[in-house]
């Protein structure tokens, strides 16, 4: 397991110079616009994107075909990807939170932890995004998965906008029951979000293992 994780992190570090350049660019924008939440959000999304590059690296060198000749089970290979994803997301969250804290100190913010909740919410979205992507990648490969992801999220965005407009048309003022429900969800987000993520990861992992067991390389 440790070797699989190290292999993925080494593949990610190959693009470290490019990641550093992008982060410096957005750091300058942060100073100019004073939008730390947007900056940390970009950092976490970059971490999500660069995790997916591990699949491209694996496909380029036909890693899976080689790995299956080693005394490693297919389940372990799948587990390695999920652990790498979680560790990489956690690294992105810690890195961006430290930058946020430094920004708040420099700006003499009253609340030094301002923006950390937003950061945590983005990290949760990244984990959910990867939980959806990993089974798709295992099924069709990274190239097709990227296309499917773009089409899927565009469809969700368009459909969500249409439904939202229709609801506003039918109900100019939100129903009180709905408002109360949303308030309860947000109030208990620290409980609901981890449970949702755990369920998503378990379902995603089970699907990925089934796909990978039957896949031929």
C-alpha atoms as a PDB file:
ATOM      1  CA  UNK A   1       0.000   0.000   0.000  1.00  0.00           C
ATOM      2  CA  UNK A   2       2.755   2.434   0.986  1.00  0.00           C
ATOM      3  CA  UNK A   3       4.564   1.835  -2.307  1.00  0.00           C
ATOM      4  CA  UNK A   4       1.409   2.549  -4.323  1.00  0.00           C
ATOM      5  CA  UNK A   5       0.873   5.837  -2.490  1.00  0.00           C
ATOM      6  CA  UNK A   6       4.518   6.911  -2.879  1.00  0.00           C
ATOM      7  CA  UNK A   7       4.348   6.098  -6.596  1.00  0.00           C
ATOM      8  CA  UNK A   8       1.326   8.362  -7.057  1.00  0.00           C
ATOM      9  CA  UNK A   9       2.857  11.210  -5.053  1.00  0.00           C
ATOM     10  CA  UNK A  10       6.040  11.008  -7.147  1.00  0.00           C
ATOM     11  CA  UNK A  11       3.937  11.253 -10.310  1.00  0.00           C
ATOM     12  CA  UNK A  12       2.182  14.312  -8.887  1.00  0.00           C
ATOM     13  CA  UNK A  13       5.473  15.971  -7.912  1.00  0.00           C
ATOM     14  CA  UNK A  14       6.638  15.771 -11.533  1.00  0.00           C
ATOM     15  CA  UNK A  15       4.262  18.670 -12.197  1.00  0.00           C
ATOM     16  CA  UNK A  16       5.343  20.587  -9.094  1.00  0.00           C
ATOM     17  CA  UNK A  17       6.940  23.464 -11.049  1.00  0.00           C
ATOM     18  CA  UNK A  18       3.754  24.027 -13.030  1.00  0.00           C
ATOM     19  CA  UNK A  19       1.637  23.876  -9.865  1.00  0.00           C
ATOM     20  CA  UNK A  20       3.974  26.352  -8.156  1.00  0.00           C
ATOM     21  CA  UNK A  21       3.741  28.790 -11.068  1.00  0.00           C
ATOM     22  CA  UNK A  22      -0.052  28.632 -11.071  1.00  0.00           C
ATOM     23  CA  UNK A  23      -0.196  29.151  -7.294  1.00  0.00           C
ATOM     24  CA  UNK A  24       2.096  32.191  -7.504  1.00  0.00           C
ATOM     25  CA  UNK A  25      -0.119  33.633 -10.245  1.00  0.00           C
ATOM     26  CA  UNK A  26      -3.251  33.250  -8.144  1.00  0.00           C
ATOM     27  CA  UNK A  27      -1.450  34.496  -5.031  1.00  0.00           C
ATOM     28  CA  UNK A  28      -0.801  37.769  -6.879  1.00  0.00           C
ATOM     29  CA  UNK A  29      -4.499  37.919  -7.778  1.00  0.00           C
ATOM     30  CA  UNK A  30      -5.319  37.337  -4.104  1.00  0.00           C
ATOM     31  CA  UNK A  31      -3.252  40.356  -3.054  1.00  0.00           C
ATOM     32  CA  UNK A  32      -4.774  42.487  -5.789  1.00  0.00           C
ATOM     33  CA  UNK A  33      -8.421  41.477  -5.257  1.00  0.00           C
ATOM     34  CA  UNK A  34      -8.426  40.571  -1.558  1.00  0.00           C
ATOM     35  CA  UNK A  35     -10.386  37.377  -2.188  1.00  0.00           C
ATOM     36  CA  UNK A  36      -8.795  34.664  -0.010  1.00  0.00           C
ATOM     37  CA  UNK A  37     -11.753  32.277  -0.275  1.00  0.00           C
ATOM     38  CA  UNK A  38     -11.438  32.219  -4.044  1.00  0.00           C
ATOM     39  CA  UNK A  39      -7.704  31.605  -3.798  1.00  0.00           C
ATOM     40  CA  UNK A  40      -7.943  28.629  -1.432  1.00  0.00           C
ATOM     41  CA  UNK A  41     -10.755  27.235  -3.547  1.00  0.00           C
ATOM     42  CA  UNK A  42      -8.502  27.317  -6.585  1.00  0.00           C
ATOM     43  CA  UNK A  43      -5.720  25.598  -4.618  1.00  0.00           C
ATOM     44  CA  UNK A  44      -7.985  22.720  -3.639  1.00  0.00           C
ATOM     45  CA  UNK A  45      -9.359  22.356  -7.167  1.00  0.00           C
ATOM     46  CA  UNK A  46      -5.791  22.251  -8.479  1.00  0.00           C
ATOM     47  CA  UNK A  47      -5.015  19.486  -5.997  1.00  0.00           C
ATOM     48  CA  UNK A  48      -8.066  17.579  -7.275  1.00  0.00           C
ATOM     49  CA  UNK A  49      -7.011  18.008 -10.899  1.00  0.00           C
ATOM     50  CA  UNK A  50      -3.414  16.981 -10.267  1.00  0.00           C
ATOM     51  CA  UNK A  51      -4.553  13.873  -8.409  1.00  0.00           C
ATOM     52  CA  UNK A  52      -6.302  12.814 -11.612  1.00  0.00           C
ATOM     53  CA  UNK A  53      -3.005  13.168 -13.488  1.00  0.00           C
ATOM     54  CA  UNK A  54      -1.811  10.042 -11.651  1.00  0.00           C
ATOM     55  CA  UNK A  55      -4.213   8.068 -13.839  1.00  0.00           C
ATOM     56  CA  UNK A  56      -2.751   9.638 -16.979  1.00  0.00           C
ATOM     57  CA  UNK A  57       0.755   8.730 -15.808  1.00  0.00           C
ATOM     58  CA  UNK A  58      -0.351   5.155 -15.096  1.00  0.00           C
ATOM     59  CA  UNK A  59      -1.969   4.779 -18.511  1.00  0.00           C
ATOM     60  CA  UNK A  60       1.064   6.213 -20.328  1.00  0.00           C
ATOM     61  CA  UNK A  61       3.411   3.587 -18.878  1.00  0.00           C
ATOM     62  CA  UNK A  62       0.786   0.794 -18.742  1.00  0.00           C
ATOM     63  CA  UNK A  63       1.201   0.609 -14.966  1.00  0.00           C
ATOM     64  CA  UNK A  64      -1.861  -1.568 -14.336  1.00  0.00           C
ATOM     65  CA  UNK A  65      -0.612  -4.353 -16.594  1.00  0.00           C
ATOM     66  CA  UNK A  66       2.705  -4.367 -14.739  1.00  0.00           C
ATOM     67  CA  UNK A  67       1.133  -4.052 -11.277  1.00  0.00           C
ATOM     68  CA  UNK A  68      -0.998  -7.150 -11.821  1.00  0.00           C
ATOM     69  CA  UNK A  69       2.164  -9.222 -12.262  1.00  0.00           C
ATOM     70  CA  UNK A  70       3.238  -8.233  -8.746  1.00  0.00           C
ATOM     71  CA  UNK A  71       1.997  -9.833  -5.507  1.00  0.00           C
ATOM     72  CA  UNK A  72      -0.607  -7.075  -5.129  1.00  0.00           C
ATOM     73  CA  UNK A  73      -4.343  -7.713  -5.190  1.00  0.00           C
ATOM     74  CA  UNK A  74      -6.626  -5.641  -7.385  1.00  0.00           C
ATOM     75  CA  UNK A  75      -8.404  -4.450  -4.257  1.00  0.00           C
ATOM     76  CA  UNK A  76      -5.108  -3.058  -2.906  1.00  0.00           C
ATOM     77  CA  UNK A  77      -4.484  -1.159  -6.138  1.00  0.00           C
ATOM     78  CA  UNK A  78      -7.920   0.459  -5.898  1.00  0.00           C
ATOM     79  CA  UNK A  79      -7.422   1.192  -2.196  1.00  0.00           C
ATOM     80  CA  UNK A  80      -4.132   2.905  -2.980  1.00  0.00           C
ATOM     81  CA  UNK A  81      -5.882   5.405  -5.247  1.00  0.00           C
ATOM     82  CA  UNK A  82      -8.493   6.278  -2.652  1.00  0.00           C
ATOM     83  CA  UNK A  83      -5.923   6.710   0.112  1.00  0.00           C
ATOM     84  CA  UNK A  84      -3.782   8.875  -2.181  1.00  0.00           C
ATOM     85  CA  UNK A  85      -6.816  10.989  -3.054  1.00  0.00           C
ATOM     86  CA  UNK A  86      -7.717  11.529   0.602  1.00  0.00           C
ATOM     87  CA  UNK A  87      -4.126  12.305   1.634  1.00  0.00           C
ATOM     88  CA  UNK A  88      -3.671  14.700  -1.279  1.00  0.00           C
ATOM     89  CA  UNK A  89      -6.949  16.485  -0.540  1.00  0.00           C
ATOM     90  CA  UNK A  90      -5.985  16.742   3.138  1.00  0.00           C
ATOM     91  CA  UNK A  91      -2.594  18.164   2.114  1.00  0.00           C
ATOM     92  CA  UNK A  92      -4.343  20.752  -0.049  1.00  0.00           C
ATOM     93  CA  UNK A  93      -6.706  21.644   2.774  1.00  0.00           C
ATOM     94  CA  UNK A  94      -3.850  22.061   5.282  1.00  0.00           C
ATOM     95  CA  UNK A  95      -1.724  24.086   2.841  1.00  0.00           C
ATOM     96  CA  UNK A  96      -4.553  26.428   1.854  1.00  0.00           C
ATOM     97  CA  UNK A  97      -5.692  26.803   5.498  1.00  0.00           C
ATOM     98  CA  UNK A  98      -2.178  27.848   6.537  1.00  0.00           C
ATOM     99  CA  UNK A  99      -2.132  30.426   3.729  1.00  0.00           C
ATOM    100  CA  UNK A 100      -5.553  31.652   4.833  1.00  0.00           C
ATOM    101  CA  UNK A 101      -4.338  31.977   8.416  1.00  0.00           C
ATOM    102  CA  UNK A 102      -1.262  33.943   7.306  1.00  0.00           C
ATOM    103  CA  UNK A 103      -3.467  36.213   5.188  1.00  0.00           C
ATOM    104  CA  UNK A 104      -5.774  36.884   8.146  1.00  0.00           C
ATOM    105  CA  UNK A 105      -2.802  37.730  10.392  1.00  0.00           C
ATOM    106  CA  UNK A 106      -1.302  40.111   7.812  1.00  0.00           C
ATOM    107  CA  UNK A 107      -4.682  41.770   7.251  1.00  0.00           C
ATOM    108  CA  UNK A 108      -5.309  42.066  11.034  1.00  0.00           C
ATOM    109  CA  UNK A 109      -8.572  40.177  10.765  1.00  0.00           C
ATOM    110  CA  UNK A 110     -10.519  39.880  14.021  1.00  0.00           C
ATOM    111  CA  UNK A 111     -11.270  36.234  13.296  1.00  0.00           C
ATOM    112  CA  UNK A 112      -7.978  34.527  12.413  1.00  0.00           C
ATOM    113  CA  UNK A 113      -9.852  31.437  11.229  1.00  0.00           C
ATOM    114  CA  UNK A 114     -12.022  33.375   8.816  1.00  0.00           C
ATOM    115  CA  UNK A 115     -12.584  31.347   5.653  1.00  0.00           C
ATOM    116  CA  UNK A 116     -11.590  27.965   7.121  1.00  0.00           C
ATOM    117  CA  UNK A 117     -15.203  26.748   6.977  1.00  0.00           C
ATOM    118  CA  UNK A 118     -15.360  27.692   3.315  1.00  0.00           C
ATOM    119  CA  UNK A 119     -12.091  25.852   2.793  1.00  0.00           C
ATOM    120  CA  UNK A 120     -13.483  22.742   4.485  1.00  0.00           C
ATOM    121  CA  UNK A 121     -16.627  22.908   2.333  1.00  0.00           C
ATOM    122  CA  UNK A 122     -14.528  23.052  -0.853  1.00  0.00           C
ATOM    123  CA  UNK A 123     -12.441  20.104   0.365  1.00  0.00           C
ATOM    124  CA  UNK A 124     -15.676  18.146   0.861  1.00  0.00           C
ATOM    125  CA  UNK A 125     -16.747  18.982  -2.704  1.00  0.00           C
ATOM    126  CA  UNK A 126     -13.342  17.815  -4.000  1.00  0.00           C
ATOM    127  CA  UNK A 127     -13.697  14.471  -2.203  1.00  0.00           C
ATOM    128  CA  UNK A 128     -17.232  14.052  -3.550  1.00  0.00           C
ATOM    129  CA  UNK A 129     -16.058  14.962  -7.068  1.00  0.00           C
ATOM    130  CA  UNK A 130     -13.253  12.388  -6.947  1.00  0.00           C
ATOM    131  CA  UNK A 131     -15.606   9.771  -5.486  1.00  0.00           C
ATOM    132  CA  UNK A 132     -17.684  10.145  -8.645  1.00  0.00           C
ATOM    133  CA  UNK A 133     -14.709  10.306 -11.003  1.00  0.00           C
ATOM    134  CA  UNK A 134     -12.682   7.300  -9.791  1.00  0.00           C
ATOM    135  CA  UNK A 135     -15.230   4.605 -10.764  1.00  0.00           C
ATOM    136  CA  UNK A 136     -15.773   6.308 -14.131  1.00  0.00           C
ATOM    137  CA  UNK A 137     -12.017   6.395 -14.766  1.00  0.00           C
ATOM    138  CA  UNK A 138     -11.694   2.726 -13.835  1.00  0.00           C
ATOM    139  CA  UNK A 139     -14.462   1.930 -16.308  1.00  0.00           C
ATOM    140  CA  UNK A 140     -13.596   4.017 -19.385  1.00  0.00           C
ATOM    141  CA  UNK A 141     -10.112   5.459 -18.754  1.00  0.00           C
ATOM    142  CA  UNK A 142      -8.978   8.965 -17.896  1.00  0.00           C
ATOM    143  CA  UNK A 143      -9.411  10.505 -21.368  1.00  0.00           C
ATOM    144  CA  UNK A 144     -13.059   9.522 -21.821  1.00  0.00           C
ATOM    145  CA  UNK A 145     -13.758  10.176 -18.132  1.00  0.00           C
ATOM    146  CA  UNK A 146     -12.742  13.827 -18.535  1.00  0.00           C
ATOM    147  CA  UNK A 147     -15.174  14.243 -21.429  1.00  0.00           C
ATOM    148  CA  UNK A 148     -17.961  12.513 -19.514  1.00  0.00           C
ATOM    149  CA  UNK A 149     -17.259  14.697 -16.468  1.00  0.00           C
ATOM    150  CA  UNK A 150     -17.570  17.921 -18.479  1.00  0.00           C
ATOM    151  CA  UNK A 151     -20.802  16.761 -20.132  1.00  0.00           C
ATOM    152  CA  UNK A 152     -22.240  15.524 -16.816  1.00  0.00           C
ATOM    153  CA  UNK A 153     -21.528  18.696 -14.849  1.00  0.00           C
ATOM    154  CA  UNK A 154     -22.740  20.927 -17.676  1.00  0.00           C
ATOM    155  CA  UNK A 155     -25.979  18.926 -17.780  1.00  0.00           C
ATOM    156  CA  UNK A 156     -26.365  19.163 -13.999  1.00  0.00           C
ATOM    157  CA  UNK A 157     -25.700  22.930 -14.099  1.00  0.00           C
ATOM    158  CA  UNK A 158     -28.199  23.558 -16.914  1.00  0.00           C
ATOM    159  CA  UNK A 159     -30.839  21.274 -15.374  1.00  0.00           C
ATOM    160  CA  UNK A 160     -30.309  22.844 -11.952  1.00  0.00           C
ATOM    161  CA  UNK A 161     -30.711  26.339 -13.401  1.00  0.00           C
ATOM    162  CA  UNK A 162     -33.943  25.364 -15.197  1.00  0.00           C
ATOM    163  CA  UNK A 163     -35.389  23.744 -12.074  1.00  0.00           C
ATOM    164  CA  UNK A 164     -34.349  26.729  -9.953  1.00  0.00           C
ATOM    165  CA  UNK A 165     -36.025  29.168 -12.363  1.00  0.00           C
ATOM    166  CA  UNK A 166     -39.180  27.047 -12.434  1.00  0.00           C
ATOM    167  CA  UNK A 167     -39.339  26.893  -8.623  1.00  0.00           C
ATOM    168  CA  UNK A 168     -38.891  30.679  -8.384  1.00  0.00           C
ATOM    169  CA  UNK A 169     -41.675  31.106 -10.919  1.00  0.00           C
ATOM    170  CA  UNK A 170     -44.071  28.855  -8.984  1.00  0.00           C
ATOM    171  CA  UNK A 171     -42.974  29.952  -5.519  1.00  0.00           C
ATOM    172  CA  UNK A 172     -41.709  33.578  -5.476  1.00  0.00           C
ATOM    173  CA  UNK A 173     -41.191  33.239  -1.710  1.00  0.00           C
ATOM    174  CA  UNK A 174     -39.540  30.031  -0.466  1.00  0.00           C
ATOM    175  CA  UNK A 175     -41.876  27.773   1.579  1.00  0.00           C
ATOM    176  CA  UNK A 176     -41.289  28.086   5.309  1.00  0.00           C
ATOM    177  CA  UNK A 177     -40.829  24.329   5.692  1.00  0.00           C
ATOM    178  CA  UNK A 178     -38.074  24.366   3.079  1.00  0.00           C
ATOM    179  CA  UNK A 179     -36.351  27.311   4.760  1.00  0.00           C
ATOM    180  CA  UNK A 180     -36.463  25.526   8.123  1.00  0.00           C
ATOM    181  CA  UNK A 181     -35.113  22.324   6.579  1.00  0.00           C
ATOM    182  CA  UNK A 182     -32.181  24.170   4.981  1.00  0.00           C
ATOM    183  CA  UNK A 183     -31.436  25.908   8.274  1.00  0.00           C
ATOM    184  CA  UNK A 184     -31.373  22.569  10.116  1.00  0.00           C
ATOM    185  CA  UNK A 185     -29.064  21.066   7.469  1.00  0.00           C
ATOM    186  CA  UNK A 186     -26.622  23.968   7.705  1.00  0.00           C
ATOM    187  CA  UNK A 187     -26.770  23.935  11.492  1.00  0.00           C
ATOM    188  CA  UNK A 188     -25.849  20.241  11.543  1.00  0.00           C
ATOM    189  CA  UNK A 189     -23.469  20.320   8.569  1.00  0.00           C
ATOM    190  CA  UNK A 190     -20.584  19.136  10.749  1.00  0.00           C
ATOM    191  CA  UNK A 191     -22.511  15.875  11.197  1.00  0.00           C
ATOM    192  CA  UNK A 192     -24.311  15.567   7.858  1.00  0.00           C
ATOM    193  CA  UNK A 193     -21.353  16.308   5.556  1.00  0.00           C
ATOM    194  CA  UNK A 194     -18.954  13.666   6.993  1.00  0.00           C
ATOM    195  CA  UNK A 195     -21.737  11.051   6.843  1.00  0.00           C
ATOM    196  CA  UNK A 196     -22.530  11.942   3.226  1.00  0.00           C
ATOM    197  CA  UNK A 197     -18.847  11.800   2.271  1.00  0.00           C
ATOM    198  CA  UNK A 198     -18.358   8.481   4.056  1.00  0.00           C
ATOM    199  CA  UNK A 199     -21.354   6.991   2.245  1.00  0.00           C
ATOM    200  CA  UNK A 200     -20.119   8.370  -1.093  1.00  0.00           C
ATOM    201  CA  UNK A 201     -16.625   6.939  -0.549  1.00  0.00           C
ATOM    202  CA  UNK A 202     -17.933   3.502   0.447  1.00  0.00           C
ATOM    203  CA  UNK A 203     -20.282   3.293  -2.555  1.00  0.00           C
ATOM    204  CA  UNK A 204     -17.581   4.631  -4.876  1.00  0.00           C
ATOM    205  CA  UNK A 205     -15.016   2.140  -3.571  1.00  0.00           C
ATOM    206  CA  UNK A 206     -17.375  -0.857  -3.915  1.00  0.00           C
ATOM    207  CA  UNK A 207     -18.193   0.113  -7.516  1.00  0.00           C
ATOM    208  CA  UNK A 208     -14.519   0.688  -8.363  1.00  0.00           C
ATOM    209  CA  UNK A 209     -13.470  -2.696  -6.958  1.00  0.00           C
ATOM    210  CA  UNK A 210     -16.149  -4.502  -8.957  1.00  0.00           C
ATOM    211  CA  UNK A 211     -15.120  -2.718 -12.144  1.00  0.00           C
ATOM    212  CA  UNK A 212     -11.396  -3.293 -11.582  1.00  0.00           C
ATOM    213  CA  UNK A 213     -11.843  -6.983 -10.764  1.00  0.00           C
ATOM    214  CA  UNK A 214     -13.459  -7.625 -14.153  1.00  0.00           C
ATOM    215  CA  UNK A 215     -11.230  -5.309 -16.166  1.00  0.00           C
ATOM    216  CA  UNK A 216      -8.708  -6.698 -18.635  1.00  0.00           C
ATOM    217  CA  UNK A 217      -5.439  -4.853 -19.316  1.00  0.00           C
END
